[in-house]
Protein backbone atom coordinates (compact mmCIF):
# COMPACT_ATOMS: atom_id res chain seq x y z
CA MET A 1 -13.18 -2.63 34.22
CA ARG A 2 -14.76 0.40 35.93
CA THR A 3 -11.29 1.59 36.96
CA VAL A 4 -10.20 1.48 33.32
CA GLU A 5 -13.33 3.32 32.23
CA ARG A 6 -12.73 6.05 34.80
CA TRP A 7 -9.09 6.32 33.70
CA LEU A 8 -10.19 6.72 30.08
CA THR A 9 -12.54 9.61 30.92
CA SER A 10 -9.58 11.93 30.42
CA PRO A 11 -9.64 13.00 26.72
CA TRP A 12 -5.84 13.16 26.53
CA ARG A 13 -5.31 9.74 28.06
CA ARG A 14 -7.97 8.24 25.82
CA SER A 15 -6.43 9.83 22.72
CA CYS A 16 -2.99 8.46 23.62
CA VAL A 17 -4.44 4.97 24.11
CA ALA A 18 -6.23 5.23 20.75
CA ALA A 19 -3.00 6.30 19.01
CA LEU A 20 -1.13 3.36 20.53
CA ALA A 21 -3.94 0.99 19.51
CA GLY A 22 -3.86 2.36 15.97
CA ALA A 23 -0.09 1.81 15.78
CA LEU A 24 -0.28 -1.90 16.62
CA PRO A 25 -0.74 -3.14 12.99
CA VAL A 26 2.78 -1.93 12.11
CA LEU A 27 4.13 -5.11 13.70
CA ALA A 28 2.47 -7.15 10.94
CA PHE A 29 4.50 -5.36 8.24
CA PRO A 30 8.19 -6.03 7.54
CA ALA A 31 10.61 -5.97 9.21
CA PRO A 32 8.79 -7.69 12.13
CA ALA A 33 6.49 -9.29 9.50
CA LEU A 34 4.17 -10.90 12.07
CA TRP A 35 1.54 -11.50 9.38
CA TRP A 36 -0.80 -13.35 11.75
CA PHE A 37 -0.92 -10.34 14.09
CA ALA A 38 -2.81 -8.35 11.43
CA TYR A 39 -5.93 -10.43 12.18
CA VAL A 40 -6.09 -9.24 15.81
CA ALA A 41 -4.23 -5.90 15.70
CA LEU A 42 -7.36 -3.77 15.21
CA VAL A 43 -9.34 -5.33 18.06
CA PRO A 44 -8.12 -2.92 20.81
CA TRP A 45 -8.89 0.08 18.60
CA LEU A 46 -12.36 -1.28 17.79
CA LEU A 47 -13.09 -2.00 21.45
CA LEU A 48 -12.12 1.55 22.37
CA ALA A 49 -14.23 3.17 19.65
CA ARG A 50 -17.32 1.08 20.49
CA SER A 51 -17.11 2.18 24.13
CA ALA A 52 -17.01 5.90 23.30
CA PRO A 53 -19.65 7.77 25.35
CA THR A 54 -20.62 10.05 22.45
CA GLY A 55 -20.36 10.14 18.69
CA ARG A 56 -17.90 13.04 18.94
CA ARG A 57 -15.65 11.00 21.20
CA ALA A 58 -15.86 8.05 18.77
CA ALA A 59 -14.74 10.37 15.97
CA ALA A 60 -11.80 11.47 18.12
CA ASP A 61 -10.92 7.82 18.78
CA GLY A 62 -10.98 7.19 15.03
CA TRP A 63 -8.78 10.22 14.34
CA SER A 64 -6.30 9.37 17.12
CA GLY A 65 -6.03 5.74 16.02
CA GLY A 66 -5.52 6.80 12.41
CA PHE A 67 -2.79 9.21 13.49
CA GLY A 68 -1.00 6.41 15.36
CA PHE A 69 -1.38 4.08 12.36
CA MET A 70 -0.01 6.57 9.83
CA VAL A 71 2.98 7.63 11.95
CA ALA A 72 3.87 4.03 12.83
CA VAL A 73 3.63 2.70 9.27
CA HIS A 74 5.59 5.64 7.83
CA HIS A 75 8.00 6.23 10.73
CA TRP A 76 11.01 5.54 8.51
CA LEU A 77 10.21 8.75 6.60
CA LEU A 78 11.03 10.87 9.66
CA PRO A 79 14.63 11.68 8.55
CA SER A 80 13.30 12.95 5.21
CA LEU A 81 10.01 14.62 6.14
CA HIS A 82 10.80 15.72 9.70
CA VAL A 83 7.77 17.59 11.10
CA PHE A 84 5.84 17.04 7.87
CA ILE A 85 5.20 13.41 8.76
CA PHE A 86 3.11 14.53 11.74
CA LEU A 87 1.30 17.16 9.69
CA ILE A 88 0.48 14.68 6.92
CA ALA A 89 -0.55 12.00 9.44
CA GLY A 90 -2.78 14.49 11.24
CA LEU A 91 -4.54 15.45 8.02
CA LEU A 92 -4.97 11.93 6.64
CA SER A 93 -6.13 10.52 9.97
CA VAL A 94 -9.30 12.61 9.57
CA LEU A 95 -10.39 9.83 7.18
CA TRP A 96 -10.73 7.47 10.15
CA ALA A 97 -13.01 9.79 12.17
CA PRO A 98 -16.20 8.60 10.41
CA TRP A 99 -14.95 5.02 10.77
CA GLY A 100 -14.83 5.52 14.54
CA VAL A 101 -18.37 6.92 14.55
CA VAL A 102 -19.72 3.99 12.52
CA THR A 103 -17.91 1.56 14.85
CA ARG A 104 -19.77 3.05 17.83
CA ARG A 105 -23.05 3.08 15.89
CA LEU A 106 -22.87 -0.61 14.97
CA LEU A 107 -20.99 -2.15 17.91
CA GLY A 108 -21.76 0.24 20.77
CA GLY A 109 -23.91 -0.84 23.70
CA THR A 110 -25.45 -4.28 23.20
CA PRO A 111 -25.85 -4.68 19.44
CA SER A 112 -28.34 -7.16 18.06
CA PRO A 113 -27.08 -10.09 15.97
CA GLY A 114 -28.32 -8.29 12.87
CA ARG A 115 -26.41 -5.11 13.72
CA ALA A 116 -23.26 -7.13 14.40
CA ALA A 117 -23.61 -8.88 11.03
CA VAL A 118 -23.94 -5.50 9.31
CA ALA A 119 -20.78 -4.34 11.10
CA VAL A 120 -18.77 -7.21 9.60
CA LEU A 121 -19.62 -5.83 6.15
CA VAL A 122 -19.71 -2.09 6.73
CA LEU A 123 -16.57 -1.58 8.84
CA PRO A 124 -14.22 -3.39 6.38
CA SER A 125 -15.88 -1.43 3.58
CA GLY A 126 -15.20 1.80 5.45
CA TRP A 127 -11.57 0.80 5.93
CA LEU A 128 -11.26 0.18 2.18
CA ALA A 129 -12.73 3.62 1.49
CA VAL A 130 -10.02 5.14 3.68
CA GLU A 131 -7.33 3.15 1.85
CA LEU A 132 -8.79 4.22 -1.49
CA VAL A 133 -8.62 7.92 -0.66
CA ARG A 134 -5.15 7.89 0.85
CA SER A 135 -3.88 5.75 -2.07
CA TRP A 136 -4.10 8.78 -4.32
CA GLN A 137 -0.57 9.61 -5.46
CA GLY A 138 -0.86 13.21 -4.28
CA LEU A 139 -1.54 12.02 -0.72
CA GLY A 140 1.47 9.73 -0.60
CA GLY A 141 0.23 6.60 -2.35
CA PRO A 142 -0.95 3.21 -1.08
CA TRP A 143 1.94 2.45 1.27
CA GLY A 144 0.84 0.55 4.36
CA MET A 145 -2.33 -1.06 3.02
CA LEU A 146 -3.40 -3.60 5.62
CA GLY A 147 -3.67 -6.41 3.06
CA ALA A 148 0.03 -5.97 2.24
CA THR A 149 0.87 -7.68 5.55
CA GLN A 150 -0.08 -10.99 3.91
CA TRP A 151 2.67 -10.94 1.28
CA GLN A 152 4.22 -14.22 2.49
CA VAL A 153 1.00 -16.19 3.05
CA THR A 154 0.29 -18.54 0.13
CA PRO A 155 -3.53 -18.71 0.48
CA ALA A 156 -3.66 -14.92 0.76
CA LEU A 157 -1.56 -14.53 -2.39
CA ARG A 158 -4.04 -16.75 -4.20
CA LEU A 159 -6.83 -14.43 -3.03
CA ALA A 160 -4.82 -11.46 -4.30
CA SER A 161 -5.04 -12.90 -7.82
CA VAL A 162 -8.83 -12.67 -7.47
CA GLY A 163 -9.37 -9.29 -5.82
CA GLY A 164 -5.95 -7.74 -5.34
CA VAL A 165 -4.58 -6.36 -2.11
CA TRP A 166 -7.99 -4.72 -1.62
CA LEU A 167 -9.64 -8.08 -1.01
CA LEU A 168 -6.96 -8.99 1.52
CA SER A 169 -7.50 -5.72 3.41
CA PHE A 170 -11.25 -6.33 3.48
CA LEU A 171 -10.88 -9.84 4.87
CA VAL A 172 -8.27 -8.85 7.47
CA VAL A 173 -10.53 -6.09 8.83
CA ALA A 174 -13.58 -8.40 8.71
CA VAL A 175 -11.78 -10.94 10.89
CA ASN A 176 -10.84 -8.19 13.36
CA VAL A 177 -14.46 -7.03 13.56
CA ALA A 178 -15.73 -10.57 14.05
CA LEU A 179 -13.21 -11.17 16.85
CA THR A 180 -14.25 -7.89 18.50
CA VAL A 181 -17.87 -9.06 18.50
CA LEU A 182 -16.83 -12.43 19.95
CA VAL A 183 -14.94 -10.69 22.74
CA ALA A 184 -17.41 -7.95 23.62
CA VAL A 185 -20.91 -8.94 22.50
CA ARG A 186 -22.04 -12.32 23.78
CA ALA A 187 -25.51 -12.07 22.20
CA ALA A 188 -24.05 -11.63 18.70
CA ARG A 189 -21.48 -14.39 18.67
CA VAL A 190 -23.35 -16.46 16.08
CA PRO A 191 -22.97 -13.93 13.22
CA ALA A 192 -19.38 -13.35 14.30
CA LEU A 193 -18.60 -17.05 14.04
CA ALA A 194 -20.47 -17.19 10.73
CA SER A 195 -18.25 -14.38 9.42
CA LEU A 196 -15.10 -16.24 10.38
CA VAL A 197 -16.40 -19.39 8.71
CA ALA A 198 -17.30 -17.40 5.58
CA THR A 199 -13.78 -15.95 5.45
CA ALA A 200 -12.26 -19.42 5.70
CA ALA A 201 -14.67 -20.67 3.02
CA ALA A 202 -13.79 -17.81 0.66
CA THR A 203 -10.10 -18.51 1.08
CA SER A 204 -10.63 -22.21 0.41
CA ALA A 205 -12.77 -21.49 -2.65
CA ALA A 206 -10.13 -19.16 -4.08
CA TRP A 207 -7.49 -21.82 -3.46
CA VAL A 208 -9.49 -24.40 -5.41
CA TRP A 209 -11.09 -22.40 -8.21
CA SER A 210 -8.90 -19.40 -8.95
CA PRO A 211 -6.88 -19.96 -12.15
CA ARG A 212 -3.18 -20.73 -11.83
CA PRO A 213 -0.63 -18.81 -13.89
CA ASP A 214 -0.07 -20.39 -17.30
CA VAL A 215 3.72 -20.86 -17.31
CA ASP A 216 5.28 -21.01 -20.76
CA GLY A 217 9.05 -21.28 -20.56
CA GLU A 218 11.77 -19.62 -18.53
CA VAL A 219 14.15 -16.69 -18.88
CA ARG A 220 17.29 -15.68 -17.01
CA ILE A 221 17.25 -12.18 -15.53
CA ALA A 222 20.25 -10.65 -13.78
CA VAL A 223 19.96 -8.07 -11.00
CA VAL A 224 22.91 -5.74 -10.44
CA GLN A 225 23.01 -4.20 -6.95
CA PRO A 226 26.10 -2.02 -6.37
CA GLY A 227 25.39 -1.08 -2.75
CA VAL A 228 25.96 2.25 -1.05
CA VAL A 229 28.31 4.62 -2.88
CA ASP A 230 28.76 8.01 -1.20
CA GLY A 231 30.71 11.15 -2.00
CA SER A 232 30.60 14.07 -4.40
CA ASP A 233 31.64 11.85 -7.33
CA SER A 234 29.29 9.00 -6.35
CA GLY A 235 27.57 9.04 -9.75
CA ASP A 236 30.73 8.19 -11.66
CA ARG A 237 32.00 5.70 -9.09
CA ARG A 238 28.62 3.95 -8.94
CA PHE A 239 28.58 3.57 -12.72
CA ASP A 240 32.10 2.12 -12.63
CA LEU A 241 31.05 -0.40 -9.95
CA GLU A 242 27.88 -1.37 -11.83
CA GLU A 243 30.00 -1.84 -14.95
CA ARG A 244 32.41 -4.19 -13.15
CA LEU A 245 29.59 -6.21 -11.60
CA THR A 246 27.79 -6.50 -14.94
CA ARG A 247 30.96 -7.66 -16.68
CA GLN A 248 31.04 -10.62 -14.26
CA LEU A 249 27.81 -11.86 -15.89
CA ALA A 250 29.57 -12.70 -19.14
CA GLY A 251 29.26 -16.43 -19.69
CA HIS A 252 26.14 -16.74 -17.47
CA ARG A 253 23.85 -16.21 -20.48
CA PRO A 254 21.28 -13.79 -19.00
CA ASP A 255 18.36 -12.72 -21.17
CA LEU A 256 18.10 -9.33 -19.46
CA VAL A 257 20.24 -7.32 -17.03
CA VAL A 258 18.47 -4.90 -14.67
CA TRP A 259 20.09 -1.98 -12.87
CA GLY A 260 18.35 -0.08 -10.05
CA GLU A 261 16.73 3.35 -9.87
CA SER A 262 19.04 6.32 -10.56
CA SER A 263 21.76 3.89 -11.59
CA VAL A 264 22.92 6.35 -14.26
CA GLY A 265 23.26 9.98 -13.22
CA TYR A 266 23.61 11.50 -16.68
CA ASP A 267 21.43 11.72 -19.76
CA LEU A 268 22.88 9.34 -22.34
CA GLY A 269 22.36 11.96 -25.05
CA ASP A 270 24.76 14.25 -23.20
CA ARG A 271 27.16 11.42 -22.36
CA PRO A 272 27.60 9.25 -25.47
CA ASP A 273 30.65 7.70 -23.80
CA LEU A 274 28.39 6.09 -21.18
CA ALA A 275 26.05 4.87 -23.90
CA ARG A 276 28.99 3.21 -25.66
CA ARG A 277 30.14 1.54 -22.43
CA LEU A 278 26.63 0.19 -21.82
CA ALA A 279 26.42 -1.12 -25.38
CA ALA A 280 29.77 -2.87 -24.88
CA LEU A 281 28.40 -4.51 -21.73
CA ALA A 282 25.33 -5.67 -23.66
CA ARG A 283 27.59 -7.31 -26.24
CA GLU A 284 29.77 -8.96 -23.56
CA THR A 285 26.81 -10.38 -21.63
CA GLY A 286 24.67 -11.13 -24.68
CA ALA A 287 21.69 -9.35 -23.09
CA ASP A 288 19.95 -5.99 -23.19
CA ILE A 289 20.47 -3.82 -20.10
CA LEU A 290 17.64 -1.91 -18.42
CA VAL A 291 19.11 1.13 -16.69
CA ASN A 292 17.44 4.04 -14.92
CA VAL A 293 18.52 7.60 -15.65
CA ASP A 294 17.92 10.41 -13.15
CA ALA A 295 19.05 13.52 -15.01
CA ARG A 296 18.06 16.55 -17.00
CA ARG A 297 17.03 15.41 -20.45
CA SER A 298 18.97 16.62 -23.45
CA ASP A 299 15.95 16.60 -25.78
CA ARG A 300 13.42 18.50 -23.62
CA PRO A 301 13.33 20.72 -20.51
CA GLY A 302 13.31 19.30 -17.00
CA ILE A 303 14.65 16.40 -14.93
CA TYR A 304 13.11 12.96 -15.47
CA LYS A 305 13.54 9.52 -13.94
CA SER A 306 13.55 7.23 -16.94
CA SER A 307 13.92 3.51 -17.57
CA LEU A 308 16.03 3.03 -20.70
CA LEU A 309 16.77 -0.17 -22.60
CA VAL A 310 20.28 -0.43 -24.02
CA GLY A 311 21.24 -3.12 -26.52
CA ALA A 312 24.40 -4.15 -28.33
CA ASP A 313 24.09 -1.16 -30.68
CA GLY A 314 23.26 1.39 -27.99
CA PRO A 315 19.91 2.67 -26.67
CA THR A 316 17.08 0.82 -28.36
CA GLY A 317 14.65 3.74 -28.16
CA ASP A 318 12.47 2.04 -25.52
CA ARG A 319 11.96 4.55 -22.74
CA TYR A 320 9.61 4.89 -19.79
CA ASP A 321 9.44 8.17 -17.84
CA LYS A 322 8.26 7.79 -14.25
CA MET A 323 4.64 8.93 -13.94
CA ARG A 324 3.93 8.93 -10.20
CA LEU A 325 6.36 11.00 -8.22
CA VAL A 326 6.95 10.94 -4.47
CA PRO A 327 5.49 14.07 -2.82
CA PHE A 328 8.06 15.98 -0.74
CA GLY A 329 10.70 13.67 -2.22
CA GLU A 330 10.72 14.20 -5.99
CA TYR A 331 8.50 17.26 -6.03
CA ILE A 332 7.04 19.76 -3.56
CA PRO A 333 3.24 20.17 -3.73
CA ALA A 334 2.39 23.88 -4.00
CA ARG A 335 6.09 24.72 -4.06
CA SER A 336 5.39 28.47 -3.89
CA LEU A 337 3.89 27.91 -0.43
CA LEU A 338 5.79 24.85 0.82
CA GLY A 339 9.15 25.30 -0.88
CA TRP A 340 10.76 25.91 2.51
CA ALA A 341 10.44 22.14 3.08
CA THR A 342 13.73 21.70 1.21
CA SER A 343 15.52 23.39 4.11
CA VAL A 344 14.30 20.95 6.78
CA GLY A 345 14.17 17.66 4.87
CA ARG A 346 15.54 15.85 1.84
CA ALA A 347 13.01 17.16 -0.64
CA ALA A 348 14.12 17.73 -4.21
CA GLY A 349 15.50 21.19 -4.91
CA GLU A 350 13.79 21.04 -8.33
CA ASP A 351 10.61 19.19 -9.18
CA ARG A 352 11.00 16.12 -11.38
CA ARG A 353 8.83 15.98 -14.50
CA ARG A 354 6.18 13.31 -14.98
CA GLY A 355 5.85 10.82 -17.79
CA THR A 356 2.53 10.52 -19.60
CA GLU A 357 2.00 6.81 -20.25
CA GLN A 358 3.11 3.34 -19.26
CA VAL A 359 5.31 1.38 -21.65
CA VAL A 360 5.78 -2.31 -22.45
CA MET A 361 9.27 -2.94 -23.81
CA ASN A 362 10.32 -5.65 -26.23
CA VAL A 363 13.54 -7.22 -25.00
CA GLY A 364 15.60 -9.65 -27.03
CA HIS A 365 14.61 -13.33 -26.98
CA GLY A 366 10.94 -12.38 -27.49
CA LEU A 367 10.47 -11.17 -23.91
CA ARG A 368 8.10 -8.28 -23.11
CA ILE A 369 8.67 -6.42 -19.84
CA GLY A 370 6.74 -3.75 -17.97
CA PRO A 371 8.97 -1.30 -16.05
CA MET A 372 7.97 0.69 -12.97
CA VAL A 373 10.10 3.06 -10.92
CA CYS A 374 10.38 3.31 -7.14
CA PHE A 375 7.10 3.51 -5.23
CA GLU A 376 5.07 2.95 -8.40
CA THR A 377 5.32 -0.73 -7.44
CA ALA A 378 3.00 0.06 -4.50
CA PHE A 379 0.14 0.90 -6.91
CA PRO A 380 -1.88 -2.21 -7.89
CA ASP A 381 -3.38 -0.50 -10.93
CA MET A 382 -0.01 0.15 -12.60
CA SER A 383 1.11 -3.48 -12.62
CA ARG A 384 -2.41 -4.57 -13.61
CA HIS A 385 -2.40 -2.30 -16.66
CA LEU A 386 1.06 -3.50 -17.71
CA ALA A 387 -0.08 -7.13 -17.52
CA ALA A 388 -3.21 -6.31 -19.50
CA ASP A 389 -1.04 -4.60 -22.14
CA GLY A 390 1.02 -7.75 -22.66
CA ALA A 391 3.94 -7.53 -20.22
CA GLU A 392 5.24 -11.02 -19.41
CA VAL A 393 7.62 -9.91 -16.63
CA LEU A 394 7.20 -6.89 -14.35
CA VAL A 395 10.32 -4.96 -13.37
CA GLY A 396 10.58 -2.46 -10.52
CA GLN A 397 13.68 -0.26 -10.35
CA THR A 398 14.13 1.43 -7.01
CA SER A 399 16.55 2.94 -4.52
CA THR A 400 15.97 3.03 -0.78
CA SER A 401 19.47 4.25 0.06
CA SER A 402 18.05 7.15 2.07
CA PHE A 403 16.37 4.64 4.40
CA GLN A 404 19.10 2.04 4.51
CA HIS A 405 18.86 1.19 8.21
CA SER A 406 15.06 1.20 8.53
CA TRP A 407 12.18 -1.13 7.76
CA ALA A 408 11.61 0.55 4.37
CA PRO A 409 13.81 -1.70 2.16
CA GLU A 410 12.09 -4.90 3.32
CA GLN A 411 8.64 -3.35 3.16
CA HIS A 412 9.29 -2.20 -0.40
CA ALA A 413 10.60 -5.59 -1.48
CA SER A 414 7.55 -7.34 0.00
CA LEU A 415 5.19 -5.35 -2.24
CA ALA A 416 6.60 -7.10 -5.30
CA ALA A 417 5.15 -10.41 -4.06
CA LEU A 418 1.64 -8.91 -4.11
CA ARG A 419 2.07 -7.38 -7.58
CA ALA A 420 3.27 -10.75 -8.89
CA ALA A 421 0.36 -12.66 -7.36
CA GLU A 422 -2.23 -10.09 -8.48
CA THR A 423 -1.13 -10.20 -12.13
CA GLY A 424 0.17 -13.76 -12.47
CA ARG A 425 3.50 -12.35 -13.68
CA THR A 426 7.04 -12.72 -12.40
CA MET A 427 8.12 -9.52 -10.63
CA VAL A 428 11.76 -8.40 -10.45
CA HIS A 429 12.49 -5.83 -7.73
CA ALA A 430 15.95 -4.38 -8.47
CA THR A 431 17.51 -1.82 -6.13
CA LEU A 432 20.72 0.12 -5.84
CA THR A 433 21.36 -0.70 -2.20
CA GLY A 434 18.94 -3.53 -1.26
CA VAL A 435 16.66 -5.21 -0.64
CA SER A 436 16.44 -6.72 -4.16
CA ALA A 437 14.07 -9.65 -4.67
CA VAL A 438 12.36 -11.75 -7.35
CA TYR A 439 8.92 -13.37 -7.09
CA GLY A 440 7.26 -15.90 -9.35
CA PRO A 441 3.81 -15.57 -10.95
CA ASP A 442 2.14 -16.98 -7.81
CA GLY A 443 3.91 -14.51 -5.53
CA GLU A 444 6.36 -17.05 -4.11
CA ARG A 445 9.93 -15.85 -3.67
CA LEU A 446 12.50 -17.10 -6.19
CA GLY A 447 16.03 -17.34 -4.86
CA PRO A 448 17.48 -15.25 -2.05
CA TRP A 449 16.94 -11.61 -1.25
CA LEU A 450 19.93 -9.35 -1.84
CA GLY A 451 20.19 -7.53 1.50
CA THR A 452 21.25 -3.99 2.25
CA ASP A 453 24.83 -5.14 2.87
CA ALA A 454 25.23 -6.81 -0.55
CA SER A 455 27.19 -5.49 -3.52
CA THR A 456 26.77 -8.11 -6.20
CA ALA A 457 25.19 -9.29 -9.43
CA ARG A 458 22.96 -12.35 -9.43
CA VAL A 459 21.15 -14.28 -12.15
CA TYR A 460 17.61 -15.57 -11.46
CA THR A 461 15.91 -18.19 -13.60
CA VAL A 462 12.28 -17.10 -13.67
CA PRO A 463 9.12 -18.52 -15.24
CA VAL A 464 7.35 -16.63 -18.01
CA ALA A 465 3.59 -16.72 -17.44
CA ARG A 466 0.69 -15.76 -19.66
CA GLY A 467 -3.03 -15.69 -19.20
CA VAL A 468 -5.19 -13.25 -17.24
CA THR A 469 -5.97 -13.35 -13.52
CA PRO A 470 -9.44 -12.29 -12.28
CA PHE A 471 -7.87 -9.18 -10.78
CA VAL A 472 -6.36 -8.14 -14.12
CA ARG A 473 -9.63 -8.86 -15.91
CA TYR A 474 -12.10 -7.31 -13.44
CA GLY A 475 -9.95 -4.75 -11.68
CA ASP A 476 -10.86 -3.19 -8.35
CA TRP A 477 -14.21 -4.93 -7.99
CA THR A 478 -13.65 -5.30 -4.25
CA VAL A 479 -13.49 -1.52 -3.88
CA ASP A 480 -16.61 -1.09 -6.02
CA GLY A 481 -18.47 -3.58 -3.83
CA ALA A 482 -17.29 -1.83 -0.66
CA LEU A 483 -18.51 1.53 -1.94
CA LEU A 484 -21.91 -0.03 -2.74
CA VAL A 485 -22.09 -1.43 0.80
CA LEU A 486 -21.33 2.01 2.23
CA ALA A 487 -23.89 3.66 -0.05
CA GLY A 488 -26.52 1.16 1.08
CA PHE A 489 -25.62 1.70 4.74
CA CYS A 490 -25.81 5.48 4.40
CA ALA A 491 -29.19 5.24 2.66
CA GLY A 492 -30.45 2.96 5.41
CA GLU A 493 -29.26 5.40 8.09
CA VAL A 494 -31.04 8.30 6.37
CA LEU A 495 -34.28 6.31 6.24
CA ARG A 496 -33.87 5.24 9.88
CA LEU A 497 -33.38 8.80 11.08
CA ARG A 498 -36.32 10.03 9.02
CA ALA A 499 -38.59 7.33 10.44
CA LEU A 500 -37.39 8.18 13.97
CA ARG A 501 -38.30 11.84 13.47
CA LEU A 502 -41.72 10.89 12.14
CA ARG A 503 -42.43 8.69 15.18
CA ARG A 504 -41.36 11.46 17.54
CA GLY A 505 -43.57 13.93 15.69
CA ALA A 506 -46.60 11.58 15.88
CA ALA A 507 -46.13 11.10 19.63
CA GLY A 508 -46.42 14.85 20.24
CA PRO A 509 -44.24 16.99 22.47
CA LEU A 510 -43.14 15.34 25.68
CA VAL A 511 -43.97 18.18 28.15
CA PRO A 512 -45.85 17.94 31.51
CA ARG A 513 -49.49 19.04 31.73
CA ALA A 514 -49.79 22.58 33.03
CA ARG A 515 -51.22 22.99 36.59
CA THR A 516 -53.86 25.56 37.47
CA ALA A 517 -53.34 27.97 40.32
CA HIS A 518 -55.67 25.97 42.62
CA GLU A 519 -54.16 22.52 42.11
CA SER A 520 -51.97 20.83 44.68
CA PRO A 521 -48.42 20.12 43.47
CA VAL A 522 -48.60 16.76 45.26
CA ARG A 523 -52.15 15.71 44.40
CA PRO A 524 -53.20 17.20 41.04
CA GLY A 525 -56.80 18.20 40.74
CA ARG A 526 -57.17 19.12 44.42
């Protein structure tokens, strides 16, 4: 142990170890999808931060671990962002510096049982505060939230219906903190065990008492996934392929056909011939078709990504313009300063325009759907608002063709399970090039995934659910509670420091008594 401590006295070596420790949770996300690993992945990082010799070093451990976490979780963006991924990770990892300091404050040395119990509340709350800040769309959105690792765990999905992915993140971090206390602090093992028992009890209570989705009938939804289509004329050839695949659905009686993001490369107002072909497909299949147009609009300036519903008589007028755009992908923040990013990555040459409001569309057969585009499905609040506004099925249209051979397609598809469980609504995740997936109102997968090598059309029979989950009704109450915990902790720290200063002031200055010229330095007074 002393050899390790001496080895870690080097700031560079310690920072590298912290970055590696912070990167460990990536193994709990798809594609490895080792969901159980999330409950122990933070322990090495916590052990390192608690052993920091100073508060400044603990802050550096927090920053280094956050840097490793951000780079690992977003490593698939490297071909698009190039050096920007390290710049963004370096800036956002500052959010974990205070978390490292608080870890040392609560778990450093030999903490009392009371201090360890406080840590099990405060450290998960601090992690949620970090996730809250970096979830802002301008900072890249909520990709890589720790609770998202639990997308295939049935009890966790039930908890998501109560408190959303936020509650899952809180509980995952709480278990990591409790295990850290069990490993490193023998005197505080009782509160650590109590925390683990409380987590198990909360999960069991949610399993028993949380309301189940109120299923009322079924609908048949078809997903059309054309696969990779390259070349200068890829827009026309992709449309032709999507048309052929959709025509195969005739006779399968779908209630809705969904195409992926950017499935149509022209504004239908400028290309009435495409609108007529889509209307003919709607008549052949007997279902409305939800397409996604990535083009300059004919009725207003700018390029939009828009979900359009096309029926037997042409576009129905239902339209949703994407509201949350991908920074450095669909727009360049501060383009006058950072516009050069287009020369080193795959950033858009022209900023896309934003929509202004979410839309619930009325499809034939009495079905109401809530469309989202691309990484909007990572935002819990968007699906929650659509469910509250009456959407019976959530639809995400996306394209991960730029990241075809990475972990991104599976990670993106897994998010739909959480959105379904949070809202109690079926979620259809339709992509151009895979992975496409459908999840029921409880978050369980319906039918097979359509992988990145598939070019096909498939019909899914999905339940239509109504009712309101606690998460839809009460929103981000877990985040509100975490912020209250942090406010209480900060107030307590201010009072503690003030009381410490008062005690030091009452004790007087700690200086030795002055000797006279005639006193002996060995025997005072002589």
